[in-house]
Structures are given as structure tokens and as C-alpha cells.
């Protein structure tokens, strides 16, 4: 079994979060997968962004404010 750290991107409204998670690789058909803790971390960040709770989201991820460009 191998593990690799990756950044997952979450987009909610005008915000984007970059969340560091550990992916676990093995030989079964479900590979790669997240731990329950990392899945919960993604859910927590997503919910915090939906509620504009940037303080909570920023404790678990890098947060970016997205600005639309009108051409």
C-alpha cells in the first residue's frame, strides 16, 4: 500500500479552497481512496465556504477569492 499527498480543489461560490489530503493506493478496484478524516475535512471546508465561514475554512485549507473577468 502506497500513500501520496495531493491537493484537492473545492469551488463554492466566489471562493476556492486548496485542501491537502493523503491518497492511499493499493491493488484493489477502489484505489485510490481517502481516509475518513480527509473526506470529513473536505466536507467541512465545503460547508464552511458555503456559509462564508472563512475562518474555519482557512484553518484546514488555503482559501482564494475568485474574481470574474469580463471581456
N, C-alpha and C. Protein backbone atom coordinates (compact mmCIF):
# COMPACT_ATOMS: atom_id res chain seq x y z
N UNK A 1 0.84 -1.17 0.00
CA UNK A 1 0.00 0.00 0.00
C UNK A 1 0.89 1.24 0.00
N UNK A 2 0.59 2.19 -0.90
CA UNK A 2 1.34 3.44 -1.00
C UNK A 2 0.44 4.60 -0.65
N UNK A 3 1.03 5.67 -0.17
CA UNK A 3 0.27 6.89 0.07
C UNK A 3 0.98 8.04 -0.63
N UNK A 4 0.17 9.03 -1.01
CA UNK A 4 0.72 10.20 -1.68
C UNK A 4 -0.11 11.42 -1.26
N UNK A 5 0.56 12.49 -0.90
CA UNK A 5 -0.13 13.72 -0.53
C UNK A 5 -0.48 14.50 -1.79
N UNK A 6 -1.74 14.94 -1.87
CA UNK A 6 -2.22 15.71 -3.02
C UNK A 6 -3.04 16.88 -2.54
N UNK A 7 -3.20 17.85 -3.39
CA UNK A 7 -4.07 18.98 -3.12
C UNK A 7 -5.36 18.80 -3.89
N UNK A 8 -6.47 18.83 -3.19
CA UNK A 8 -7.79 18.77 -3.81
C UNK A 8 -8.36 20.18 -3.85
N UNK A 9 -9.06 20.50 -4.92
CA UNK A 9 -9.63 21.82 -5.12
C UNK A 9 -11.14 21.75 -4.88
N UNK A 10 -11.64 22.69 -4.08
CA UNK A 10 -13.08 22.81 -3.83
C UNK A 10 -13.48 24.21 -4.28
N UNK A 11 -14.54 24.30 -5.05
CA UNK A 11 -15.05 25.59 -5.52
C UNK A 11 -16.47 25.77 -5.01
N UNK A 12 -16.68 26.84 -4.26
CA UNK A 12 -18.01 27.18 -3.74
C UNK A 12 -18.21 28.68 -3.89
N UNK A 13 -19.19 29.06 -4.70
CA UNK A 13 -19.48 30.48 -4.89
C UNK A 13 -18.28 31.23 -5.40
N UNK A 14 -17.89 32.29 -4.69
CA UNK A 14 -16.77 33.11 -5.14
C UNK A 14 -15.45 32.70 -4.50
N UNK A 15 -15.43 31.53 -3.85
CA UNK A 15 -14.22 31.06 -3.18
C UNK A 15 -13.76 29.72 -3.73
N UNK A 16 -12.46 29.52 -3.61
CA UNK A 16 -11.85 28.24 -3.96
C UNK A 16 -10.93 27.87 -2.81
N UNK A 17 -10.90 26.60 -2.48
CA UNK A 17 -10.02 26.11 -1.41
C UNK A 17 -9.11 25.02 -1.95
N UNK A 18 -7.88 25.06 -1.50
CA UNK A 18 -6.89 24.04 -1.83
C UNK A 18 -6.64 23.24 -0.56
N UNK A 19 -7.10 22.00 -0.54
CA UNK A 19 -7.06 21.17 0.67
C UNK A 19 -6.05 20.05 0.47
N UNK A 20 -5.12 19.92 1.39
CA UNK A 20 -4.12 18.86 1.32
C UNK A 20 -4.70 17.58 1.92
N UNK A 21 -4.69 16.50 1.14
CA UNK A 21 -5.19 15.21 1.59
C UNK A 21 -4.18 14.13 1.24
N UNK A 22 -4.32 12.98 1.86
CA UNK A 22 -3.45 11.84 1.57
C UNK A 22 -4.25 10.79 0.82
N UNK A 23 -3.80 10.46 -0.37
CA UNK A 23 -4.43 9.43 -1.18
C UNK A 23 -3.72 8.10 -0.89
N UNK A 24 -4.51 7.04 -0.72
CA UNK A 24 -3.96 5.72 -0.46
C UNK A 24 -4.17 4.85 -1.70
N UNK A 25 -3.09 4.26 -2.17
CA UNK A 25 -3.12 3.42 -3.36
C UNK A 25 -2.85 1.98 -2.98
N UNK A 26 -3.62 1.06 -3.54
CA UNK A 26 -3.34 -0.37 -3.39
C UNK A 26 -3.83 -1.09 -4.64
N UNK A 27 -3.90 -2.39 -4.61
CA UNK A 27 -4.20 -3.16 -5.82
C UNK A 27 -5.68 -3.46 -6.03
N UNK A 28 -6.57 -2.93 -5.20
CA UNK A 28 -7.98 -3.25 -5.40
C UNK A 28 -8.64 -2.26 -6.37
N UNK A 29 -9.88 -2.55 -6.73
CA UNK A 29 -10.59 -1.74 -7.72
C UNK A 29 -10.99 -0.36 -7.21
N UNK A 30 -10.97 -0.14 -5.90
CA UNK A 30 -11.40 1.13 -5.32
C UNK A 30 -10.25 2.13 -5.16
N UNK A 31 -9.09 1.75 -5.54
CA UNK A 31 -7.91 2.59 -5.36
C UNK A 31 -7.89 3.71 -6.40
N UNK A 32 -7.42 4.90 -6.08
CA UNK A 32 -7.01 5.41 -4.78
C UNK A 32 -8.20 5.86 -3.96
N UNK A 33 -7.99 5.99 -2.66
CA UNK A 33 -9.08 6.43 -1.80
C UNK A 33 -8.56 7.34 -0.69
N UNK A 34 -9.50 8.05 -0.06
CA UNK A 34 -9.20 8.96 1.04
C UNK A 34 -9.52 8.29 2.37
N UNK A 35 -8.86 8.75 3.41
CA UNK A 35 -9.24 8.31 4.75
C UNK A 35 -10.55 9.01 5.12
N UNK A 36 -11.22 8.50 6.11
CA UNK A 36 -12.45 9.12 6.59
C UNK A 36 -12.16 10.54 7.09
N UNK A 37 -11.03 10.72 7.74
CA UNK A 37 -10.67 12.04 8.26
C UNK A 37 -10.49 13.05 7.13
N UNK A 38 -9.83 12.64 6.04
CA UNK A 38 -9.64 13.55 4.92
C UNK A 38 -10.95 13.85 4.20
N UNK A 39 -11.82 12.86 4.08
CA UNK A 39 -13.13 13.08 3.47
C UNK A 39 -13.94 14.06 4.31
N UNK A 40 -13.88 13.92 5.63
CA UNK A 40 -14.58 14.84 6.52
C UNK A 40 -13.98 16.24 6.45
N UNK A 41 -12.65 16.33 6.27
CA UNK A 41 -12.00 17.63 6.13
C UNK A 41 -12.52 18.34 4.88
N UNK A 42 -12.63 17.61 3.77
CA UNK A 42 -13.16 18.19 2.54
C UNK A 42 -14.60 18.67 2.74
N UNK A 43 -15.40 17.87 3.40
CA UNK A 43 -16.80 18.26 3.67
C UNK A 43 -16.88 19.48 4.57
N UNK A 44 -16.02 19.56 5.57
CA UNK A 44 -16.01 20.69 6.49
C UNK A 44 -15.64 21.98 5.76
N UNK A 45 -14.62 21.91 4.91
CA UNK A 45 -14.20 23.08 4.15
C UNK A 45 -15.31 23.51 3.19
N UNK A 46 -15.92 22.56 2.51
CA UNK A 46 -17.00 22.87 1.56
C UNK A 46 -18.17 23.56 2.28
N UNK A 47 -18.57 23.05 3.41
CA UNK A 47 -19.67 23.64 4.17
C UNK A 47 -19.29 25.03 4.68
N UNK A 48 -18.08 25.18 5.17
CA UNK A 48 -17.63 26.49 5.66
C UNK A 48 -17.65 27.53 4.54
N UNK A 49 -17.22 27.16 3.35
CA UNK A 49 -17.25 28.09 2.23
C UNK A 49 -18.68 28.46 1.86
N UNK A 50 -19.58 27.50 1.88
CA UNK A 50 -20.99 27.78 1.58
C UNK A 50 -21.58 28.78 2.56
N UNK A 51 -21.12 28.72 3.81
CA UNK A 51 -21.64 29.59 4.86
C UNK A 51 -20.79 30.86 5.03
N UNK A 52 -19.84 31.07 4.11
CA UNK A 52 -18.91 32.21 4.19
C UNK A 52 -18.14 32.26 5.50
N UNK A 53 -17.87 31.11 6.08
CA UNK A 53 -17.08 30.99 7.30
C UNK A 53 -15.62 30.78 6.92
N UNK A 54 -14.97 31.86 6.53
CA UNK A 54 -13.60 31.77 6.04
C UNK A 54 -12.61 31.44 7.14
N UNK A 55 -12.92 31.79 8.37
CA UNK A 55 -12.03 31.48 9.49
C UNK A 55 -11.88 29.97 9.66
N UNK A 56 -13.01 29.26 9.64
CA UNK A 56 -12.97 27.80 9.77
C UNK A 56 -12.29 27.17 8.56
N UNK A 57 -12.66 27.60 7.37
CA UNK A 57 -12.10 27.04 6.14
C UNK A 57 -10.59 27.26 6.07
N UNK A 58 -10.14 28.43 6.50
CA UNK A 58 -8.70 28.74 6.40
C UNK A 58 -7.85 27.95 7.39
N UNK A 59 -8.48 27.36 8.41
CA UNK A 59 -7.73 26.50 9.34
C UNK A 59 -7.36 25.17 8.69
N UNK A 60 -8.14 24.77 7.67
CA UNK A 60 -7.95 23.46 7.04
C UNK A 60 -7.44 23.53 5.61
N UNK A 61 -7.43 24.74 5.02
CA UNK A 61 -7.09 24.84 3.60
C UNK A 61 -6.58 26.23 3.27
N UNK A 62 -5.98 26.36 2.11
CA UNK A 62 -5.64 27.67 1.56
C UNK A 62 -6.89 28.16 0.82
N UNK A 63 -7.30 29.38 1.10
CA UNK A 63 -8.53 29.91 0.53
C UNK A 63 -8.18 31.00 -0.47
N UNK A 64 -8.89 31.00 -1.59
CA UNK A 64 -8.72 32.00 -2.64
C UNK A 64 -10.06 32.63 -2.95
N UNK A 65 -10.04 33.93 -3.22
CA UNK A 65 -11.25 34.62 -3.66
C UNK A 65 -11.18 34.71 -5.17
N UNK A 66 -12.23 34.25 -5.83
CA UNK A 66 -12.28 34.25 -7.29
C UNK A 66 -12.95 35.52 -7.78
N UNK A 67 -12.33 36.14 -8.74
CA UNK A 67 -12.89 37.36 -9.33
C UNK A 67 -13.16 37.11 -10.81
N UNK A 68 -14.41 37.27 -11.24
CA UNK A 68 -14.71 37.07 -12.65
C UNK A 68 -14.06 38.17 -13.51
N UNK A 69 -13.68 37.80 -14.68
CA UNK A 69 -13.10 38.74 -15.64
C UNK A 69 -14.09 38.93 -16.77
N UNK A 70 -14.52 40.15 -16.97
CA UNK A 70 -15.44 40.45 -18.05
C UNK A 70 -14.66 40.97 -19.25
N UNK A 71 -14.76 40.28 -20.33
CA UNK A 71 -14.03 40.68 -21.54
C UNK A 71 -14.95 41.39 -22.52
